[in-house]
Every structure is written in structure tokens, then in C-alpha cells.
Amino acid sequence: MDGKLGFRDSLIWEFVKYYVNNYQENVIFISKDSDFINKEDNKLYETLKKELSNDILVYNRLDELDLHTIIEEEYSQLIEKYQDYFDSDLISKTIKDDILDDIRDYVYFPSEYDDNDLTDFVVTNPVVVDIVDYRYNLHIIKIKFELNISYDAYIFKADWYAMNKRNLGDFETTDEDYNDHYALVSAENTYDMSILLTYNKNTQEIEEFEIVNTQKTYHY
């Protein structure tokens, strides 16, 4: 390489740089031009690679291109990447406020209960099961996990005695003599859940999510 790209080749390379560095998409570059490709190893010159923010796939001929294999490899790499990224803490932080706003969809509280207190909110075993869409900069990712919710509630003793042989909702009595006026009851529920996350890989932020499946786990 003589270090001097021709005008046309310079335009091509500037476009490649602009696209790779601004859109951060996986790019396939097909060329056997010695201004771009080192003939000794048929790879992009290191001086050019340094101008790119991401690696690109380089082929010398179009017939070398196996799109199916490339797509499968890209998909597998993304699954692995997001599996490492979306850990239990991040999933918990993402969904917690939304679920607590609608907690009665997850924990049944009889109307007699006062001062409900969350005692535990734990996400475990998050698994990236699919990347539904990964075009452009927004990736839609399906993740399944287990959610455990624990709650305490307080009930006026007169109400507790009246309810004692009836349904306490999801709760069991923890301390019937918690103080002079109240009994303490507690609930613990576990759910298998799936969510769809919309992740912006440019800003590296979750833009939105949707709960797509919730199934209560029963322990016998």
C-alpha cells in the first residue's frame, strides 16, 4: 500500500467510515483492491482498521459470502452479549416500579389489610431467549426469569379474628399478637415471567419494556 488512495477509493472509504462509526451496524466490505486489502493475508490494512469504531467483515469476492452463516453467527453473538448484560439487578431495576404500581395483579390483598410493606423483590435466572428484531439501533429482546415477591401486611385484630377461618388472600398469619391492636400476616409469591425489552445500543439504554407472560409458580 502506498498510503495514497485514489479520489474514488477515498470517497468509498470515507463512506464506510461514516457508516460504521455513526450507525454502529455490522458491515460487510467486499473488495480485492490493494488500496484496501493487504494481499499477504487478504485482510483490511491495519491503518484503515484503526479508523473504525467497530470491526467489519471483509471478503475478497461476493461468492465467498454466506449470509445465512453470517446472520446465525451475528445472532449467536448478540444472544451471548445480552445474556452477560441483562443480569438480575438490571432486570429488577427495570420492572420493579411498574409491577409495584400494579401489585394487586401479583399479590392479592383483602381490603381489611393496612400498611402493606414490601419485604423482598428478587429476580433470578434471567435468560435471553430471543432477539425479536435487531435492525438499526433498536434491539427488541425477549428475556425470561423468575420473580419472587414477599409482602407483610397488618390487620386489625377484630378483623383478623373474623377472617381467620376465611380466605386471607395470598397471606398466612405470621404473628397473631404482633401488638395490642394488630396481627401480622405475610405473603410470598413466585412467578415465571417473560418480558420484551427495547434496547437502544447507541445510548445503551432500555427505552421501554412489556410484560408478555406471567405464570404463578405453585409449590406443593
Protein backbone atom coordinates (compact mmCIF):
# COMPACT_ATOMS: atom_id res chain seq x y z
CA MET A 1 0.00 0.00 0.00
CA ASP A 2 1.49 3.36 -0.98
CA GLY A 3 -0.59 5.32 1.54
CA LYS A 4 -2.42 7.25 -1.16
CA LEU A 5 -5.99 6.33 -2.02
CA GLY A 6 -7.33 7.48 -5.34
CA PHE A 7 -10.19 10.00 -5.29
CA ARG A 8 -12.87 7.38 -5.95
CA ASP A 9 -11.41 4.97 -3.39
CA SER A 10 -11.16 7.78 -0.87
CA LEU A 11 -14.87 8.52 -1.30
CA ILE A 12 -15.69 4.83 -0.80
CA TRP A 13 -13.58 4.63 2.33
CA GLU A 14 -14.98 7.85 3.79
CA PHE A 15 -18.50 6.48 3.32
CA VAL A 16 -17.53 3.19 5.01
CA LYS A 17 -16.02 5.11 7.93
CA TYR A 18 -19.04 7.36 8.26
CA TYR A 19 -21.49 4.47 8.25
CA VAL A 20 -19.55 2.22 10.63
CA ASN A 21 -18.65 4.97 13.08
CA ASN A 22 -22.07 6.63 13.18
CA TYR A 23 -24.53 3.77 12.85
CA GLN A 24 -22.53 1.04 14.57
CA GLU A 25 -24.07 -1.64 12.39
CA ASN A 26 -22.27 -4.79 11.34
CA VAL A 27 -20.78 -4.06 7.92
CA ILE A 28 -19.60 -6.45 5.21
CA PHE A 29 -16.92 -4.97 2.96
CA ILE A 30 -16.20 -6.81 -0.29
CA SER A 31 -13.09 -5.77 -2.17
CA LYS A 32 -9.84 -7.08 -3.63
CA ASP A 33 -8.50 -3.60 -4.27
CA SER A 34 -4.92 -3.38 -2.98
CA ASP A 35 -5.63 0.12 -1.70
CA PHE A 36 -7.86 -1.50 0.92
CA ILE A 37 -6.75 -5.12 1.20
CA ASN A 38 -3.36 -6.48 2.23
CA LYS A 39 -2.60 -9.12 -0.42
CA GLU A 40 -0.46 -11.12 2.00
CA ASP A 41 -3.36 -12.08 4.25
CA ASN A 42 -6.38 -10.80 2.25
CA LYS A 43 -7.43 -8.62 5.18
CA LEU A 44 -8.08 -4.93 5.66
CA TYR A 45 -4.95 -2.88 6.30
CA GLU A 46 -4.37 -2.18 9.99
CA THR A 47 -4.02 1.55 9.26
CA LEU A 48 -7.58 1.54 7.89
CA LYS A 49 -8.98 -0.66 10.69
CA LYS A 50 -7.79 1.90 13.23
CA GLU A 51 -10.11 4.49 11.69
CA LEU A 52 -13.19 2.36 12.51
CA SER A 53 -15.04 2.20 15.81
CA ASN A 54 -16.16 -1.39 15.11
CA ASP A 55 -14.75 -4.38 13.28
CA ILE A 56 -16.10 -5.10 9.82
CA LEU A 57 -16.30 -8.36 7.90
CA VAL A 58 -14.01 -8.36 4.87
CA TYR A 59 -14.37 -10.60 1.82
CA ASN A 60 -12.49 -10.52 -1.47
CA ARG A 61 -15.29 -11.89 -3.63
CA LEU A 62 -19.05 -11.94 -3.48
CA ASP A 63 -19.17 -15.72 -3.85
CA GLU A 64 -17.32 -16.05 -0.53
CA LEU A 65 -20.30 -14.54 1.23
CA ASP A 66 -22.52 -16.96 3.17
CA LEU A 67 -25.28 -14.72 4.51
CA HIS A 68 -27.03 -17.50 6.39
CA THR A 69 -23.89 -18.35 8.35
CA ILE A 70 -23.12 -14.67 8.98
CA ILE A 71 -26.64 -13.99 10.27
CA GLU A 72 -26.55 -17.05 12.53
CA GLU A 73 -23.17 -16.02 13.92
CA GLU A 74 -24.32 -12.46 14.48
CA TYR A 75 -27.45 -13.69 16.24
CA SER A 76 -25.46 -16.02 18.49
CA GLN A 77 -23.00 -13.27 19.36
CA LEU A 78 -25.83 -10.89 20.26
CA ILE A 79 -27.52 -13.51 22.44
CA GLU A 80 -24.25 -14.08 24.29
CA LYS A 81 -23.60 -10.36 24.64
CA TYR A 82 -27.05 -9.58 26.03
CA GLN A 83 -27.01 -12.62 28.29
CA ASP A 84 -23.99 -11.10 30.01
CA TYR A 85 -25.51 -7.60 30.06
CA PHE A 86 -29.04 -8.24 31.34
CA ASP A 87 -28.31 -9.57 34.79
CA SER A 88 -30.75 -9.97 37.69
CA ASP A 89 -30.09 -6.50 39.12
CA LEU A 90 -30.78 -4.70 35.84
CA ILE A 91 -33.99 -6.66 35.20
CA SER A 92 -35.17 -5.99 38.75
CA LYS A 93 -34.45 -2.27 38.46
CA THR A 94 -36.29 -2.12 35.12
CA ILE A 95 -39.53 -3.85 36.13
CA LYS A 96 -39.85 -3.13 39.85
CA ASP A 97 -41.71 0.19 39.84
CA ASP A 98 -44.12 -0.95 37.15
CA ILE A 99 -45.00 -4.15 39.00
CA LEU A 100 -45.38 -2.41 42.36
CA ASP A 101 -47.77 0.07 40.78
CA ASP A 102 -49.99 -2.90 39.89
CA ILE A 103 -49.08 -5.12 42.82
CA ARG A 104 -52.63 -6.43 43.20
CA ASP A 105 -52.10 -8.23 39.90
CA TYR A 106 -49.39 -10.22 41.68
CA VAL A 107 -50.36 -10.30 45.36
CA TYR A 108 -53.98 -10.48 46.49
CA PHE A 109 -54.73 -8.11 49.39
CA PRO A 110 -58.09 -8.31 51.16
CA SER A 111 -59.46 -4.85 51.79
CA GLU A 112 -59.03 -5.15 55.56
CA TYR A 113 -55.23 -5.06 55.32
CA ASP A 114 -53.34 -1.89 56.32
CA ASP A 115 -49.77 -0.70 55.76
CA ASN A 116 -48.59 -3.20 53.21
CA ASP A 117 -44.79 -3.47 53.22
CA LEU A 118 -42.62 -5.00 50.52
CA THR A 119 -40.04 -7.21 52.21
CA ASP A 120 -38.41 -8.84 49.19
CA PHE A 121 -38.31 -8.36 45.41
CA VAL A 122 -35.87 -10.76 43.78
CA VAL A 123 -35.24 -11.56 40.11
CA THR A 124 -33.32 -14.77 39.45
CA ASN A 125 -32.11 -16.77 36.46
CA PRO A 126 -32.64 -14.23 33.64
CA VAL A 127 -32.21 -15.92 30.26
CA VAL A 128 -32.15 -14.16 26.89
CA VAL A 129 -34.34 -16.46 24.82
CA ASP A 130 -34.68 -14.48 21.61
CA ILE A 131 -33.78 -11.26 19.83
CA VAL A 132 -37.00 -10.48 18.05
CA ASP A 133 -35.62 -7.63 15.98
CA TYR A 134 -32.11 -6.26 15.70
CA ARG A 135 -32.23 -3.93 12.76
CA TYR A 136 -30.76 -0.46 13.03
CA ASN A 137 -30.02 0.74 16.54
CA LEU A 138 -33.05 -0.66 18.40
CA HIS A 139 -32.94 -4.27 19.51
CA ILE A 140 -36.07 -5.98 20.83
CA ILE A 141 -35.01 -8.69 23.25
CA LYS A 142 -37.10 -11.38 24.92
CA ILE A 143 -35.98 -12.39 28.40
CA LYS A 144 -37.46 -14.91 30.79
CA PHE A 145 -36.75 -15.07 34.53
CA GLU A 146 -38.16 -15.97 37.91
CA LEU A 147 -39.61 -13.25 40.15
CA ASN A 148 -40.13 -13.66 43.87
CA ILE A 149 -42.25 -11.09 45.75
CA SER A 150 -42.66 -11.04 49.53
CA TYR A 151 -45.01 -8.76 51.48
CA ASP A 152 -46.04 -8.08 55.04
CA ALA A 153 -49.42 -6.62 55.94
CA TYR A 154 -51.08 -5.62 59.19
CA ILE A 155 -54.68 -6.33 60.08
CA PHE A 156 -56.76 -5.07 62.98
CA LYS A 157 -57.23 -7.98 65.38
CA ALA A 158 -61.01 -7.82 65.30
CA ASP A 159 -60.89 -8.18 61.52
CA TRP A 160 -58.30 -10.93 61.77
CA TYR A 161 -60.45 -12.97 64.13
CA ALA A 162 -63.40 -12.56 61.78
CA MET A 163 -61.28 -13.60 58.78
CA ASN A 164 -59.28 -16.31 60.48
CA LYS A 165 -61.26 -19.18 59.06
CA ARG A 166 -61.81 -17.44 55.77
CA ASN A 167 -59.54 -16.56 52.90
CA LEU A 168 -56.58 -14.41 53.91
CA GLY A 169 -55.75 -13.71 50.29
CA ASP A 170 -52.20 -14.75 49.44
CA PHE A 171 -51.21 -14.25 53.08
CA GLU A 172 -50.55 -16.50 56.03
CA THR A 173 -50.54 -15.43 59.65
CA THR A 174 -47.04 -14.64 60.88
CA ASP A 175 -47.81 -13.18 64.30
CA GLU A 176 -51.39 -13.04 65.57
CA ASP A 177 -50.27 -10.96 68.55
CA TYR A 178 -47.97 -8.51 66.78
CA ASN A 179 -49.06 -5.74 69.16
CA ASP A 180 -52.14 -4.76 71.17
CA HIS A 181 -54.14 -3.90 68.06
CA TYR A 182 -52.73 -5.69 65.05
CA ALA A 183 -51.85 -9.13 63.73
CA LEU A 184 -49.06 -9.57 61.18
CA VAL A 185 -49.59 -11.56 58.01
CA SER A 186 -47.11 -12.32 55.23
CA ALA A 187 -47.20 -13.40 51.60
CA GLU A 188 -44.59 -14.84 49.28
CA ASN A 189 -45.35 -15.44 45.60
CA THR A 190 -43.12 -16.68 42.80
CA TYR A 191 -43.73 -16.09 39.09
CA ASP A 192 -42.21 -17.29 35.87
CA MET A 193 -42.14 -14.18 33.69
CA SER A 194 -41.18 -13.10 30.20
CA ILE A 195 -40.63 -9.53 29.02
CA LEU A 196 -39.79 -7.78 25.78
CA LEU A 197 -37.16 -5.04 26.14
CA THR A 198 -36.46 -2.36 23.57
CA TYR A 199 -32.77 -1.58 23.90
CA ASN A 200 -31.05 1.33 22.15
CA LYS A 201 -27.50 0.22 21.51
CA ASN A 202 -26.37 3.76 20.67
CA THR A 203 -27.42 5.22 24.03
CA GLN A 204 -27.03 1.84 25.78
CA GLU A 205 -30.37 2.36 27.49
CA ILE A 206 -33.63 0.44 27.80
CA GLU A 207 -36.25 2.60 26.13
CA GLU A 208 -39.32 0.56 27.05
CA PHE A 209 -40.46 -2.88 28.09
CA GLU A 210 -43.57 -5.01 28.01
CA ILE A 211 -44.51 -7.95 30.23
CA VAL A 212 -45.66 -10.64 27.81
CA ASN A 213 -46.14 -13.63 30.11
CA THR A 214 -46.77 -14.11 33.82
CA GLN A 215 -47.34 -17.51 35.38
CA LYS A 216 -47.60 -18.08 39.08
CA THR A 217 -45.46 -20.92 40.40
CA TYR A 218 -47.12 -23.16 42.93
CA HIS A 219 -45.12 -25.13 45.48
CA TYR A 220 -46.75 -28.18 46.94
